[in-house]
Amino acid sequence: MRALATPRPLPAGRLPAVAAGAAVALALPVFLAAGWRVSGWLLGAVLWLAAQAFGLLLARLPIGAGNLAASGVQGIGLMFRALAVMVVVIAVAAGDARLGLAAAGVYGLGYTIELTLSLLTYFGGEPAS
């Protein structure tokens, strides 16, 4: 429990994003080999890329106690990013369940890999002194 309470410096997010991008890209041959609709992969990949682009835009904001407004915008923006993806996937799934499920699977794959590697990178780092 102490590991969760110990602050650490924020690690670079490139490795998790690149690994997740590679996993999303490698999902395309799986879709092709399985005979699944490529449009599901494409929608999931576009959603993942759009979420990444929005995250990069938010990451440019200064955060910390001296920048409470920017920190708030970043926090709300990160929640909005997840909500926006969810709304799109649900709207698509309402019209075509298989397309929505495929898109959610591709996006979920990228998101899960990025989150897992980000947590491992953060908690694997040295605690701040």
Protein backbone atom coordinates (compact mmCIF):
# COMPACT_ATOMS: atom_id res chain seq x y z
CA MET A 1 0.00 0.00 0.00
CA ARG A 2 2.95 2.29 0.61
CA ALA A 3 3.93 2.10 -3.08
CA LEU A 4 0.64 3.76 -4.02
CA ALA A 5 1.19 6.65 -1.62
CA THR A 6 4.77 7.43 -2.64
CA PRO A 7 4.94 10.23 -5.22
CA ARG A 8 7.10 9.72 -8.29
CA PRO A 9 8.12 11.97 -11.16
CA LEU A 10 5.86 11.68 -14.19
CA PRO A 11 7.57 9.42 -16.76
CA ALA A 12 7.57 10.08 -20.49
CA GLY A 13 4.47 8.72 -22.18
CA ARG A 14 6.04 7.87 -25.52
CA LEU A 15 6.77 4.19 -24.92
CA PRO A 16 3.21 3.30 -23.83
CA ALA A 17 1.70 5.27 -26.72
CA VAL A 18 4.02 3.71 -29.31
CA ALA A 19 3.40 0.20 -27.97
CA ALA A 20 -0.35 0.77 -28.01
CA GLY A 21 -0.16 2.17 -31.53
CA ALA A 22 1.76 -0.90 -32.65
CA ALA A 23 -0.88 -3.16 -31.09
CA VAL A 24 -3.67 -1.26 -32.85
CA ALA A 25 -1.77 -1.52 -36.15
CA LEU A 26 -1.12 -5.24 -35.62
CA ALA A 27 -4.83 -5.79 -35.08
CA LEU A 28 -5.41 -5.08 -38.79
CA PRO A 29 -3.82 -8.34 -40.01
CA VAL A 30 -5.87 -10.19 -37.38
CA PHE A 31 -9.04 -8.59 -38.76
CA LEU A 32 -8.03 -9.50 -42.31
CA ALA A 33 -7.09 -13.09 -41.45
CA ALA A 34 -10.29 -13.64 -39.46
CA GLY A 35 -12.46 -12.19 -42.23
CA TRP A 36 -13.84 -9.47 -39.98
CA ARG A 37 -14.94 -6.13 -41.37
CA VAL A 38 -12.04 -3.75 -41.78
CA SER A 39 -14.39 -0.84 -41.14
CA GLY A 40 -14.57 -1.91 -37.47
CA TRP A 41 -10.80 -1.84 -37.20
CA LEU A 42 -10.66 1.50 -39.03
CA LEU A 43 -13.21 3.12 -36.73
CA GLY A 44 -11.43 1.83 -33.62
CA ALA A 45 -8.04 2.98 -34.94
CA VAL A 46 -9.39 6.45 -35.84
CA LEU A 47 -10.98 6.79 -32.40
CA TRP A 48 -7.73 5.75 -30.74
CA LEU A 49 -5.69 8.20 -32.85
CA ALA A 50 -8.17 11.03 -32.19
CA ALA A 51 -8.03 10.36 -28.45
CA GLN A 52 -4.23 10.38 -28.59
CA ALA A 53 -4.20 13.68 -30.51
CA PHE A 54 -6.57 15.25 -27.98
CA GLY A 55 -4.40 13.91 -25.15
CA LEU A 56 -1.31 15.47 -26.73
CA LEU A 57 -3.13 18.79 -26.99
CA LEU A 58 -4.10 18.60 -23.31
CA ALA A 59 -0.55 17.61 -22.33
CA ARG A 60 0.69 20.99 -23.57
CA LEU A 61 -1.21 22.71 -20.76
CA PRO A 62 0.85 23.62 -17.70
CA ILE A 63 -0.25 21.70 -14.61
CA GLY A 64 0.42 22.08 -10.92
CA ALA A 65 -0.63 24.18 -7.97
CA GLY A 66 0.37 27.39 -9.76
CA ASN A 67 -1.85 26.57 -12.74
CA LEU A 68 -5.11 25.42 -11.23
CA ALA A 69 -7.26 26.50 -14.18
CA ALA A 70 -5.09 24.65 -16.69
CA SER A 71 -4.95 21.62 -14.42
CA GLY A 72 -8.75 21.63 -14.22
CA VAL A 73 -9.08 21.92 -17.99
CA GLN A 74 -6.71 19.01 -18.41
CA GLY A 75 -8.61 16.85 -15.92
CA ILE A 76 -12.00 17.62 -17.46
CA GLY A 77 -10.54 17.15 -20.94
CA LEU A 78 -9.23 13.69 -20.12
CA MET A 79 -12.66 12.68 -18.82
CA PHE A 80 -14.29 14.18 -21.91
CA ARG A 81 -11.97 12.17 -24.13
CA ALA A 82 -13.22 8.90 -22.68
CA LEU A 83 -16.85 10.05 -22.81
CA ALA A 84 -16.54 11.16 -26.44
CA VAL A 85 -15.18 7.77 -27.49
CA MET A 86 -17.91 6.00 -25.53
CA VAL A 87 -20.67 8.11 -27.13
CA VAL A 88 -19.37 7.41 -30.64
CA VAL A 89 -19.05 3.67 -30.02
CA ILE A 90 -22.53 3.44 -28.49
CA ALA A 91 -24.06 5.46 -31.35
CA VAL A 92 -22.37 3.21 -33.91
CA ALA A 93 -23.35 0.06 -32.03
CA ALA A 94 -26.98 1.19 -31.95
CA GLY A 95 -26.99 1.05 -35.74
CA ASP A 96 -24.59 -1.86 -36.27
CA ALA A 97 -23.69 -3.91 -33.22
CA ARG A 98 -20.84 -5.83 -34.88
CA LEU A 99 -19.20 -2.64 -36.13
CA GLY A 100 -19.49 -1.03 -32.70
CA LEU A 101 -18.10 -4.11 -30.97
CA ALA A 102 -15.14 -4.32 -33.36
CA ALA A 103 -14.36 -0.61 -32.92
CA ALA A 104 -14.64 -0.91 -29.13
CA GLY A 105 -12.32 -3.92 -29.19
CA VAL A 106 -9.62 -2.16 -31.19
CA TYR A 107 -9.86 1.01 -29.09
CA GLY A 108 -9.93 -1.05 -25.89
CA LEU A 109 -6.82 -2.96 -26.95
CA GLY A 110 -4.84 0.24 -27.49
CA TYR A 111 -6.18 1.86 -24.34
CA THR A 112 -5.45 -1.18 -22.16
CA ILE A 113 -1.89 -1.57 -23.41
CA GLU A 114 -1.16 2.13 -22.98
CA LEU A 115 -2.65 2.20 -19.47
CA THR A 116 -0.83 -0.95 -18.37
CA LEU A 117 2.55 0.25 -19.64
CA SER A 118 1.99 3.72 -18.18
CA LEU A 119 1.28 2.25 -14.74
CA LEU A 120 4.26 -0.08 -14.95
CA THR A 121 6.51 2.78 -16.01
CA TYR A 122 5.22 5.05 -13.24
CA PHE A 123 5.37 2.55 -10.39
CA GLY A 124 8.64 1.07 -11.69
CA GLY A 125 10.33 4.46 -11.36
CA GLU A 126 12.23 5.72 -8.38
CA PRO A 127 10.18 7.60 -5.77
CA ALA A 128 10.63 11.36 -5.64
CA SER A 129 12.86 12.58 -2.88
